[in-house]
């Protein structure tokens, strides 16, 4: 049974690596099982033993990334959205630059970005509501979408460009941008 587990693990790793290479060049929606199997060097029958479609492979990669880093993500919430824990998240993203670029970029699954958005949305909105009690929830959601989507683009720019910004510096900048967006929202 152990040899079989090792073979399954190796097969899945081959598919993961092949898919990530393909996603550097093309969106997930254009990846076919045939091309993925050819890139991974396995047959389609083997693929279908483990997955139904290439999106399933990507979902497994996403889930593994989240599971491997859940402690870091959880510390951010457990410690009152402290910027130093946000910096730890950005450090994790930077250490996994290639994977992060794919997961957060245009070639990855848009549902992953939506999942990340939904994961943090309520907690951030609740915190903002405490800080700005006169703002209604609709206004806060509008600001959240603006800040979240802008942050995703800035994160991708940050990992693509060598701007000499440490994760701590980057976290402080994004935190300030979010705060200033909330202040400016009081004017509309």
N, C-alpha and C. Protein backbone atom coordinates (compact mmCIF):
# COMPACT_ATOMS: atom_id res chain seq x y z
N UNK A 1 0.82 -1.19 0.00
CA UNK A 1 0.00 0.00 0.00
C UNK A 1 0.86 1.26 0.00
N UNK A 2 1.99 1.21 0.70
CA UNK A 2 2.88 2.37 0.77
C UNK A 2 3.47 2.74 -0.59
N UNK A 3 3.84 1.70 -1.39
CA UNK A 3 4.35 1.97 -2.74
C UNK A 3 3.27 2.62 -3.61
N UNK A 4 2.03 2.16 -3.45
CA UNK A 4 0.94 2.74 -4.22
C UNK A 4 0.74 4.21 -3.81
N UNK A 5 0.79 4.50 -2.51
CA UNK A 5 0.67 5.87 -2.05
C UNK A 5 1.77 6.74 -2.62
N UNK A 6 2.97 6.21 -2.67
CA UNK A 6 4.11 6.96 -3.22
C UNK A 6 3.90 7.22 -4.71
N UNK A 7 3.39 6.23 -5.42
CA UNK A 7 3.13 6.42 -6.86
C UNK A 7 2.06 7.47 -7.09
N UNK A 8 1.00 7.43 -6.29
CA UNK A 8 -0.06 8.43 -6.41
C UNK A 8 0.50 9.82 -6.13
N UNK A 9 1.29 9.93 -5.08
CA UNK A 9 1.89 11.22 -4.72
C UNK A 9 2.78 11.74 -5.84
N UNK A 10 3.60 10.87 -6.42
CA UNK A 10 4.47 11.28 -7.53
C UNK A 10 3.65 11.68 -8.74
N UNK A 11 2.61 10.93 -9.06
CA UNK A 11 1.74 11.26 -10.20
C UNK A 11 1.11 12.63 -10.00
N UNK A 12 0.58 12.86 -8.81
CA UNK A 12 -0.07 14.15 -8.53
C UNK A 12 0.95 15.29 -8.58
N UNK A 13 2.14 15.07 -8.07
CA UNK A 13 3.17 16.11 -8.13
C UNK A 13 3.54 16.42 -9.57
N UNK A 14 3.61 15.40 -10.41
CA UNK A 14 3.91 15.61 -11.83
C UNK A 14 2.81 16.44 -12.48
N UNK A 15 1.57 16.14 -12.17
CA UNK A 15 0.45 16.91 -12.71
C UNK A 15 0.43 18.34 -12.18
N UNK A 16 0.73 18.50 -10.90
CA UNK A 16 0.79 19.85 -10.32
C UNK A 16 1.85 20.70 -11.03
N UNK A 17 3.05 20.14 -11.15
CA UNK A 17 4.14 20.90 -11.79
C UNK A 17 3.81 21.22 -13.24
N UNK A 18 3.25 20.25 -13.95
CA UNK A 18 2.91 20.46 -15.37
C UNK A 18 1.84 21.55 -15.50
N UNK A 19 0.83 21.48 -14.65
CA UNK A 19 -0.24 22.48 -14.73
C UNK A 19 0.30 23.87 -14.41
N UNK A 20 1.12 23.98 -13.40
CA UNK A 20 1.68 25.30 -13.05
C UNK A 20 2.53 25.86 -14.18
N UNK A 21 3.28 25.00 -14.86
CA UNK A 21 4.05 25.47 -16.02
C UNK A 21 3.11 25.97 -17.12
N UNK A 22 2.04 25.25 -17.34
CA UNK A 22 1.08 25.65 -18.38
C UNK A 22 0.38 26.96 -18.01
N UNK A 23 0.07 27.14 -16.73
CA UNK A 23 -0.65 28.35 -16.31
C UNK A 23 0.22 29.60 -16.36
N UNK A 24 1.51 29.43 -16.53
CA UNK A 24 2.36 30.60 -16.75
C UNK A 24 2.09 31.20 -18.12
N UNK A 25 1.54 30.38 -19.02
CA UNK A 25 1.34 30.80 -20.40
C UNK A 25 -0.12 30.93 -20.82
N UNK A 26 -1.01 30.23 -20.13
CA UNK A 26 -2.40 30.21 -20.59
C UNK A 26 -3.36 30.12 -19.42
N UNK A 27 -4.59 30.59 -19.61
CA UNK A 27 -5.59 30.51 -18.54
C UNK A 27 -6.05 29.08 -18.29
N UNK A 28 -6.50 28.83 -17.08
CA UNK A 28 -6.94 27.49 -16.71
C UNK A 28 -8.07 26.99 -17.61
N UNK A 29 -8.93 27.85 -18.06
CA UNK A 29 -10.04 27.45 -18.90
C UNK A 29 -9.64 26.90 -20.26
N UNK A 30 -8.40 27.13 -20.66
CA UNK A 30 -7.94 26.64 -21.97
C UNK A 30 -7.07 25.39 -21.86
N UNK A 31 -6.82 24.92 -20.66
CA UNK A 31 -5.98 23.74 -20.45
C UNK A 31 -6.82 22.49 -20.66
N UNK A 32 -6.41 21.65 -21.57
CA UNK A 32 -7.13 20.39 -21.82
C UNK A 32 -6.45 19.25 -21.06
N UNK A 33 -7.22 18.22 -20.79
CA UNK A 33 -6.68 17.03 -20.14
C UNK A 33 -5.57 16.44 -21.01
N UNK A 34 -5.80 16.38 -22.30
CA UNK A 34 -4.82 15.81 -23.23
C UNK A 34 -3.49 16.55 -23.14
N UNK A 35 -3.54 17.88 -23.19
CA UNK A 35 -2.30 18.66 -23.15
C UNK A 35 -1.62 18.57 -21.79
N UNK A 36 -2.42 18.57 -20.73
CA UNK A 36 -1.85 18.46 -19.39
C UNK A 36 -1.16 17.12 -19.20
N UNK A 37 -1.79 16.06 -19.66
CA UNK A 37 -1.19 14.73 -19.53
C UNK A 37 0.10 14.63 -20.35
N UNK A 38 0.08 15.20 -21.54
CA UNK A 38 1.29 15.18 -22.37
C UNK A 38 2.42 15.94 -21.68
N UNK A 39 2.09 17.08 -21.10
CA UNK A 39 3.10 17.90 -20.40
C UNK A 39 3.64 17.17 -19.17
N UNK A 40 2.76 16.44 -18.48
CA UNK A 40 3.17 15.72 -17.27
C UNK A 40 3.82 14.38 -17.58
N UNK A 41 3.61 13.87 -18.80
CA UNK A 41 4.17 12.58 -19.16
C UNK A 41 3.40 11.41 -18.58
N UNK A 42 2.10 11.57 -18.43
CA UNK A 42 1.26 10.47 -17.95
C UNK A 42 0.12 10.25 -18.93
N UNK A 43 -0.54 9.11 -18.82
CA UNK A 43 -1.67 8.87 -19.74
C UNK A 43 -2.96 9.38 -19.13
N UNK A 44 -3.95 9.57 -20.00
CA UNK A 44 -5.22 10.14 -19.56
C UNK A 44 -5.97 9.24 -18.58
N UNK A 45 -5.82 7.95 -18.75
CA UNK A 45 -6.46 7.02 -17.82
C UNK A 45 -5.99 7.24 -16.39
N UNK A 46 -4.69 7.45 -16.25
CA UNK A 46 -4.13 7.73 -14.92
C UNK A 46 -4.68 9.05 -14.39
N UNK A 47 -4.77 10.05 -15.25
CA UNK A 47 -5.32 11.34 -14.84
C UNK A 47 -6.72 11.15 -14.27
N UNK A 48 -7.56 10.42 -15.01
CA UNK A 48 -8.96 10.25 -14.61
C UNK A 48 -9.14 9.38 -13.37
N UNK A 49 -8.11 8.66 -12.96
CA UNK A 49 -8.17 7.95 -11.68
C UNK A 49 -8.22 8.92 -10.50
N UNK A 50 -7.66 10.13 -10.71
CA UNK A 50 -7.50 11.09 -9.61
C UNK A 50 -8.32 12.36 -9.78
N UNK A 51 -8.60 12.74 -11.02
CA UNK A 51 -9.25 14.03 -11.28
C UNK A 51 -10.27 13.90 -12.40
N UNK A 52 -11.17 14.86 -12.47
CA UNK A 52 -12.14 14.89 -13.54
C UNK A 52 -11.77 15.87 -14.63
N UNK A 53 -11.07 16.95 -14.24
CA UNK A 53 -10.70 18.00 -15.18
C UNK A 53 -9.49 18.76 -14.63
N UNK A 54 -8.82 19.54 -15.45
CA UNK A 54 -7.65 20.29 -14.98
C UNK A 54 -7.95 21.24 -13.82
N UNK A 55 -9.18 21.77 -13.78
CA UNK A 55 -9.56 22.67 -12.68
C UNK A 55 -9.49 21.95 -11.33
N UNK A 56 -9.71 20.64 -11.34
CA UNK A 56 -9.61 19.87 -10.10
C UNK A 56 -8.17 19.82 -9.59
N UNK A 57 -7.24 19.75 -10.51
CA UNK A 57 -5.82 19.76 -10.13
C UNK A 57 -5.48 21.12 -9.52
N UNK A 58 -5.95 22.19 -10.16
CA UNK A 58 -5.69 23.53 -9.65
C UNK A 58 -6.33 23.71 -8.28
N UNK A 59 -7.53 23.22 -8.10
CA UNK A 59 -8.22 23.33 -6.80
C UNK A 59 -7.40 22.62 -5.72
N UNK A 60 -6.82 21.48 -6.05
CA UNK A 60 -5.99 20.76 -5.08
C UNK A 60 -4.73 21.58 -4.74
N UNK A 61 -4.13 22.20 -5.73
CA UNK A 61 -2.96 23.05 -5.51
C UNK A 61 -3.34 24.21 -4.59
N UNK A 62 -4.47 24.84 -4.87
CA UNK A 62 -4.95 25.97 -4.04
C UNK A 62 -5.17 25.52 -2.61
N UNK A 63 -5.86 24.39 -2.45
CA UNK A 63 -6.14 23.89 -1.11
C UNK A 63 -4.86 23.53 -0.35
N UNK A 64 -3.89 22.95 -1.05
CA UNK A 64 -2.61 22.64 -0.41
C UNK A 64 -1.90 23.92 0.05
N UNK A 65 -1.92 24.95 -0.80
CA UNK A 65 -1.29 26.23 -0.45
C UNK A 65 -1.94 26.82 0.80
N UNK A 66 -3.26 26.82 0.83
CA UNK A 66 -3.97 27.37 1.98
C UNK A 66 -3.69 26.54 3.23
N UNK A 67 -3.75 25.21 3.11
CA UNK A 67 -3.51 24.33 4.26
C UNK A 67 -2.09 24.51 4.81
N UNK A 68 -1.12 24.62 3.91
CA UNK A 68 0.27 24.78 4.34
C UNK A 68 0.51 26.11 5.04
N UNK A 69 -0.32 27.10 4.75
CA UNK A 69 -0.09 28.44 5.30
C UNK A 69 -1.21 28.91 6.22
N UNK A 70 -2.12 28.01 6.58
CA UNK A 70 -3.27 28.39 7.39
C UNK A 70 -2.87 28.99 8.73
N UNK A 71 -1.81 28.49 9.32
CA UNK A 71 -1.38 29.03 10.61
C UNK A 71 -1.02 30.51 10.47
N UNK A 72 -0.30 30.84 9.41
CA UNK A 72 0.08 32.24 9.18
C UNK A 72 -1.17 33.08 8.93
N UNK A 73 -2.09 32.58 8.10
CA UNK A 73 -3.31 33.32 7.80
C UNK A 73 -4.15 33.50 9.07
N UNK A 74 -4.24 32.44 9.86
CA UNK A 74 -5.03 32.50 11.09
C UNK A 74 -4.49 33.47 12.11
N UNK A 75 -3.17 33.61 12.19
CA UNK A 75 -2.56 34.53 13.14
C UNK A 75 -2.98 35.97 12.88
N UNK A 76 -3.19 36.31 11.62
CA UNK A 76 -3.63 37.65 11.27
C UNK A 76 -4.97 37.95 11.95
N UNK A 77 -5.89 37.00 11.88
CA UNK A 77 -7.21 37.21 12.49
C UNK A 77 -7.15 37.10 14.00
N UNK A 78 -6.37 36.14 14.49
CA UNK A 78 -6.31 35.92 15.93
C UNK A 78 -5.65 37.08 16.67
N UNK A 79 -4.90 37.88 15.96
CA UNK A 79 -4.16 38.97 16.61
C UNK A 79 -4.66 40.34 16.15
N UNK A 80 -5.95 40.45 15.92
CA UNK A 80 -6.57 41.74 15.65
C UNK A 80 -6.09 42.43 14.40
N UNK A 81 -5.85 41.68 13.34
CA UNK A 81 -5.42 42.24 12.05
C UNK A 81 -4.15 43.08 12.20
N UNK A 82 -3.27 42.65 13.05
CA UNK A 82 -2.00 43.34 13.28
C UNK A 82 -1.17 43.35 12.00
N UNK A 83 -0.58 44.50 11.70
CA UNK A 83 0.18 44.67 10.46
C UNK A 83 1.38 43.72 10.40
N UNK A 84 1.95 43.37 11.54
CA UNK A 84 3.10 42.46 11.51
C UNK A 84 2.66 41.06 11.03
N UNK A 85 1.44 40.66 11.34
CA UNK A 85 0.94 39.38 10.85
C UNK A 85 0.56 39.47 9.38
N UNK A 86 0.10 40.64 8.97
CA UNK A 86 -0.16 40.87 7.55
C UNK A 86 1.15 40.77 6.78
N UNK A 87 2.22 41.29 7.36
CA UNK A 87 3.55 41.20 6.74
C UNK A 87 3.97 39.73 6.61
N UNK A 88 3.61 38.91 7.58
CA UNK A 88 3.94 37.47 7.51
C UNK A 88 3.20 36.82 6.34
N UNK A 89 1.96 37.25 6.10
CA UNK A 89 1.21 36.72 4.95
C UNK A 89 1.90 37.13 3.66
N UNK A 90 2.31 38.40 3.56
CA UNK A 90 2.98 38.87 2.35
C UNK A 90 4.34 38.21 2.18
N UNK A 91 5.00 37.90 3.27
CA UNK A 91 6.26 37.17 3.20
C UNK A 91 6.03 35.77 2.62
N UNK A 92 4.96 35.13 3.05
CA UNK A 92 4.57 33.81 2.52
C UNK A 92 4.29 33.91 1.03
N UNK A 93 3.57 34.94 0.62
CA UNK A 93 3.26 35.15 -0.80
C UNK A 93 4.56 35.34 -1.58
N UNK A 94 5.46 36.13 -1.03
CA UNK A 94 6.73 36.40 -1.71
C UNK A 94 7.59 35.14 -1.81
N UNK A 95 7.61 34.33 -0.77
CA UNK A 95 8.38 33.08 -0.78
C UNK A 95 7.82 32.09 -1.80
N UNK A 96 6.54 32.21 -2.08
CA UNK A 96 5.88 31.35 -3.06
C UNK A 96 5.49 32.18 -4.28
N UNK A 97 6.40 33.00 -4.71
CA UNK A 97 6.17 33.99 -5.76
C UNK A 97 5.53 33.40 -7.02
N UNK A 98 6.11 32.35 -7.56
CA UNK A 98 5.58 31.78 -8.81
C UNK A 98 4.17 31.24 -8.62
N UNK A 99 3.96 30.51 -7.54
CA UNK A 99 2.64 29.96 -7.26
C UNK A 99 1.64 31.08 -6.99
N UNK A 100 2.03 32.07 -6.22
CA UNK A 100 1.15 33.20 -5.91
C UNK A 100 0.77 33.96 -7.17
N UNK A 101 1.71 34.13 -8.07
CA UNK A 101 1.45 34.84 -9.32
C UNK A 101 0.36 34.10 -10.11
N UNK A 102 0.43 32.79 -10.10
CA UNK A 102 -0.57 31.99 -10.83
C UNK A 102 -1.91 32.02 -10.11
N UNK A 103 -1.90 31.77 -8.80
CA UNK A 103 -3.15 31.69 -8.05
C UNK A 103 -3.90 33.02 -8.03
N UNK A 104 -3.18 34.12 -7.93
CA UNK A 104 -3.82 35.43 -7.84
C UNK A 104 -3.97 36.12 -9.19
N UNK A 105 -3.26 35.62 -10.20
CA UNK A 105 -3.24 36.27 -11.51
C UNK A 105 -4.38 35.86 -12.41
N UNK A 106 -4.32 36.37 -13.62
CA UNK A 106 -5.39 36.18 -14.59
C UNK A 106 -5.51 34.75 -15.11
N UNK A 107 -4.43 33.96 -15.06
CA UNK A 107 -4.49 32.60 -15.59
C UNK A 107 -5.01 31.58 -14.59
N UNK A 108 -5.10 31.99 -13.33
CA UNK A 108 -5.61 31.08 -12.31
C UNK A 108 -7.13 31.04 -12.31
N UNK A 109 -7.67 30.38 -11.33
CA UNK A 109 -9.11 30.24 -11.20
C UNK A 109 -9.69 31.48 -10.53
N UNK A 110 -10.56 32.21 -11.21
CA UNK A 110 -11.17 33.40 -10.58
C UNK A 110 -11.90 33.05 -9.28
N UNK A 111 -12.36 31.82 -9.15
CA UNK A 111 -13.03 31.42 -7.92
C UNK A 111 -12.09 31.43 -6.71
N UNK A 112 -10.79 31.23 -6.95
CA UNK A 112 -9.83 31.29 -5.84
C UNK A 112 -9.77 32.70 -5.29
N UNK A 113 -9.69 33.68 -6.17
CA UNK A 113 -9.67 35.08 -5.71
C UNK A 113 -10.98 35.41 -4.99
N UNK A 114 -12.10 34.92 -5.51
CA UNK A 114 -13.38 35.15 -4.84
C UNK A 114 -13.41 34.47 -3.47
N UNK A 115 -12.84 33.28 -3.39
CA UNK A 115 -12.78 32.59 -2.10
C UNK A 115 -11.94 33.37 -1.10
N UNK A 116 -10.81 33.88 -1.57
CA UNK A 116 -9.96 34.69 -0.69
C UNK A 116 -10.70 35.95 -0.26
N UNK A 117 -11.40 36.55 -1.19
CA UNK A 117 -12.18 37.75 -0.90
C UNK A 117 -13.22 37.45 0.17
N UNK A 118 -13.96 36.36 -0.02
CA UNK A 118 -15.02 36.00 0.92
C UNK A 118 -14.46 35.58 2.28
N UNK A 119 -13.27 35.01 2.27
CA UNK A 119 -12.62 34.58 3.51
C UNK A 119 -12.35 35.76 4.44
N UNK A 120 -11.95 36.89 3.87
CA UNK A 120 -11.56 38.04 4.69
C UNK A 120 -12.64 39.11 4.79
N UNK A 121 -13.61 39.08 3.92
CA UNK A 121 -14.57 40.18 3.80
C UNK A 121 -15.30 40.51 5.10
N UNK A 122 -15.98 39.54 5.68
CA UNK A 122 -16.80 39.83 6.86
C UNK A 122 -15.97 40.32 8.03
N UNK A 123 -14.81 39.70 8.25
CA UNK A 123 -13.96 40.13 9.36
C UNK A 123 -13.47 41.56 9.19
N UNK A 124 -13.07 41.90 7.98
CA UNK A 124 -12.60 43.26 7.73
C UNK A 124 -13.75 44.25 7.83
N UNK A 125 -14.90 43.91 7.26
CA UNK A 125 -16.05 44.81 7.35
C UNK A 125 -16.47 45.03 8.80
N UNK A 126 -16.44 43.99 9.60
CA UNK A 126 -16.78 44.14 11.02
C UNK A 126 -15.81 45.08 11.73
N UNK A 127 -14.51 44.92 11.43
CA UNK A 127 -13.51 45.81 12.03
C UNK A 127 -13.71 47.26 11.57
N UNK A 128 -13.95 47.42 10.29
CA UNK A 128 -14.17 48.77 9.76
C UNK A 128 -15.42 49.40 10.36
N UNK A 129 -16.46 48.60 10.57
CA UNK A 129 -17.70 49.11 11.14
C UNK A 129 -17.46 49.66 12.54
N UNK A 130 -16.58 48.98 13.31
CA UNK A 130 -16.23 49.46 14.65
C UNK A 130 -15.49 50.80 14.57
N UNK A 131 -14.59 50.90 13.59
CA UNK A 131 -13.78 52.10 13.45
C UNK A 131 -14.57 53.27 12.85
N UNK A 132 -15.52 52.97 11.99
CA UNK A 132 -16.33 53.99 11.32
C UNK A 132 -17.82 53.65 11.49
N UNK A 133 -18.34 53.81 12.70
CA UNK A 133 -19.72 53.37 12.99
C UNK A 133 -20.80 54.14 12.22
N UNK A 134 -20.48 55.30 11.69
CA UNK A 134 -21.50 56.06 10.96
C UNK A 134 -21.65 55.59 9.52
N UNK A 135 -20.73 54.75 9.04
CA UNK A 135 -20.83 54.25 7.67
C UNK A 135 -21.79 53.06 7.63
N UNK A 136 -22.67 53.05 6.64
CA UNK A 136 -23.55 51.89 6.51
C UNK A 136 -22.78 50.74 5.84
N UNK A 137 -23.31 49.56 5.96
CA UNK A 137 -22.63 48.35 5.47
C UNK A 137 -22.42 48.41 3.95
N UNK A 138 -23.37 48.97 3.24
CA UNK A 138 -23.26 49.07 1.78
C UNK A 138 -22.04 49.91 1.38
N UNK A 139 -21.83 51.01 2.07
CA UNK A 139 -20.66 51.86 1.78
C UNK A 139 -19.37 51.10 2.09
N UNK A 140 -19.36 50.39 3.21
CA UNK A 140 -18.16 49.64 3.58
C UNK A 140 -17.87 48.53 2.57
N UNK A 141 -18.91 47.88 2.08
CA UNK A 141 -18.71 46.83 1.06
C UNK A 141 -18.16 47.43 -0.22
N UNK A 142 -18.62 48.58 -0.60
CA UNK A 142 -18.12 49.27 -1.78
C UNK A 142 -16.62 49.58 -1.62
N UNK A 143 -16.26 50.10 -0.47
CA UNK A 143 -14.85 50.41 -0.20
C UNK A 143 -14.02 49.13 -0.15
N UNK A 144 -14.58 48.09 0.47
CA UNK A 144 -13.86 46.82 0.56
C UNK A 144 -13.52 46.30 -0.83
N UNK A 145 -14.50 46.30 -1.73
CA UNK A 145 -14.24 45.81 -3.09
C UNK A 145 -13.13 46.63 -3.76
N UNK A 146 -13.18 47.92 -3.60
CA UNK A 146 -12.16 48.80 -4.15
C UNK A 146 -10.77 48.47 -3.58
N UNK A 147 -10.70 48.36 -2.27
CA UNK A 147 -9.42 48.08 -1.61
C UNK A 147 -8.93 46.67 -1.93
N UNK A 148 -9.83 45.68 -1.88
CA UNK A 148 -9.42 44.30 -2.12
C UNK A 148 -8.90 44.11 -3.54
N UNK A 149 -9.67 44.55 -4.52
CA UNK A 149 -9.25 44.37 -5.91
C UNK A 149 -7.97 45.16 -6.21
N UNK A 150 -7.88 46.36 -5.68
CA UNK A 150 -6.65 47.13 -5.85
C UNK A 150 -5.46 46.46 -5.18
N UNK A 151 -5.70 45.88 -4.02
CA UNK A 151 -4.62 45.19 -3.29
C UNK A 151 -4.14 43.97 -4.07
N UNK A 152 -5.05 43.24 -4.68
CA UNK A 152 -4.65 42.07 -5.48
C UNK A 152 -3.71 42.51 -6.61
N UNK A 153 -4.05 43.59 -7.28
CA UNK A 153 -3.20 44.08 -8.37
C UNK A 153 -1.85 44.55 -7.82
N UNK A 154 -1.87 45.25 -6.69
CA UNK A 154 -0.62 45.73 -6.09
C UNK A 154 0.25 44.57 -5.62
N UNK A 155 -0.36 43.52 -5.10
CA UNK A 155 0.40 42.34 -4.68
C UNK A 155 1.10 41.72 -5.89
N UNK A 156 0.35 41.58 -6.99
CA UNK A 156 0.96 41.01 -8.20
C UNK A 156 2.09 41.90 -8.71
N UNK A 157 1.89 43.20 -8.70
CA UNK A 157 2.95 44.12 -9.11
C UNK A 157 4.16 43.99 -8.20
N UNK A 158 3.91 43.87 -6.91
CA UNK A 158 4.99 43.79 -5.93
C UNK A 158 5.81 42.52 -6.12
N UNK A 159 5.16 41.38 -6.37
CA UNK A 159 5.94 40.16 -6.54
C UNK A 159 6.60 40.10 -7.92
N UNK A 160 6.07 40.85 -8.89
CA UNK A 160 6.68 40.88 -10.22
C UNK A 160 7.84 41.86 -10.32
N UNK A 161 7.73 42.97 -9.62
CA UNK A 161 8.75 44.02 -9.69
C UNK A 161 9.67 43.95 -8.49
N UNK A 162 10.90 44.28 -8.72
CA UNK A 162 11.86 44.33 -7.63
C UNK A 162 11.88 45.76 -7.10
N UNK A 163 10.91 46.08 -6.23
CA UNK A 163 10.76 47.44 -5.73
C UNK A 163 11.49 47.66 -4.41
N UNK A 164 12.24 46.69 -3.96
CA UNK A 164 12.96 46.79 -2.69
C UNK A 164 12.05 47.14 -1.52
N UNK A 165 10.82 46.65 -1.56
CA UNK A 165 9.91 46.83 -0.43
C UNK A 165 9.85 45.52 0.34
N UNK A 166 10.14 45.57 1.61
CA UNK A 166 10.04 44.37 2.43
C UNK A 166 8.56 44.05 2.64
N UNK A 167 8.25 42.82 3.04
CA UNK A 167 6.85 42.50 3.35
C UNK A 167 6.25 43.44 4.40
N UNK A 168 7.05 43.85 5.37
CA UNK A 168 6.56 44.79 6.40
C UNK A 168 6.24 46.15 5.81
N UNK A 169 7.11 46.65 4.97
CA UNK A 169 6.86 47.95 4.33
C UNK A 169 5.63 47.86 3.43
N UNK A 170 5.53 46.78 2.69
CA UNK A 170 4.39 46.60 1.79
C UNK A 170 3.09 46.51 2.60
N UNK A 171 3.11 45.76 3.69
CA UNK A 171 1.92 45.62 4.54
C UNK A 171 1.49 46.98 5.08
N UNK A 172 2.44 47.78 5.54
CA UNK A 172 2.10 49.12 6.05
C UNK A 172 1.49 49.99 4.97
N UNK A 173 2.03 49.92 3.76
CA UNK A 173 1.48 50.73 2.65
C UNK A 173 0.03 50.33 2.34
N UNK A 174 -0.21 49.03 2.25
CA UNK A 174 -1.57 48.59 1.93
C UNK A 174 -2.54 48.91 3.07
N UNK A 175 -2.08 48.78 4.29
CA UNK A 175 -2.92 49.11 5.44
C UNK A 175 -3.29 50.59 5.41
N UNK A 176 -2.32 51.44 5.12
CA UNK A 176 -2.59 52.89 5.03
C UNK A 176 -3.53 53.21 3.88
N UNK A 177 -3.33 52.56 2.73
CA UNK A 177 -4.23 52.80 1.60
C UNK A 177 -5.67 52.45 1.96
N UNK A 178 -5.86 51.34 2.63
CA UNK A 178 -7.20 50.96 3.06
C UNK A 178 -7.78 51.96 4.03
N UNK A 179 -6.97 52.41 4.98
CA UNK A 179 -7.44 53.39 5.99
C UNK A 179 -7.79 54.72 5.31
N UNK A 180 -6.93 55.20 4.43
CA UNK A 180 -7.20 56.46 3.74
C UNK A 180 -8.42 56.34 2.82
N UNK A 181 -8.64 55.18 2.27
CA UNK A 181 -9.85 54.97 1.44
C UNK A 181 -11.10 55.11 2.30
N UNK A 182 -11.03 54.58 3.52
CA UNK A 182 -12.17 54.70 4.42
C UNK A 182 -12.43 56.16 4.80
N UNK A 183 -11.37 56.89 5.07
CA UNK A 183 -11.52 58.30 5.42
C UNK A 183 -12.11 59.08 4.25
N UNK A 184 -11.57 58.83 3.06
CA UNK A 184 -12.06 59.54 1.87
C UNK A 184 -13.51 59.19 1.58
N UNK A 185 -13.94 58.00 1.94
CA UNK A 185 -15.32 57.58 1.67
C UNK A 185 -16.33 58.41 2.45
N UNK A 186 -15.89 59.04 3.50
CA UNK A 186 -16.79 59.89 4.28
C UNK A 186 -17.25 61.11 3.49
N UNK A 187 -16.57 61.39 2.41
CA UNK A 187 -16.90 62.57 1.60
C UNK A 187 -17.88 62.26 0.49
N UNK A 188 -18.25 61.01 0.30
CA UNK A 188 -19.24 60.72 -0.76
C UNK A 188 -20.45 60.02 -0.21
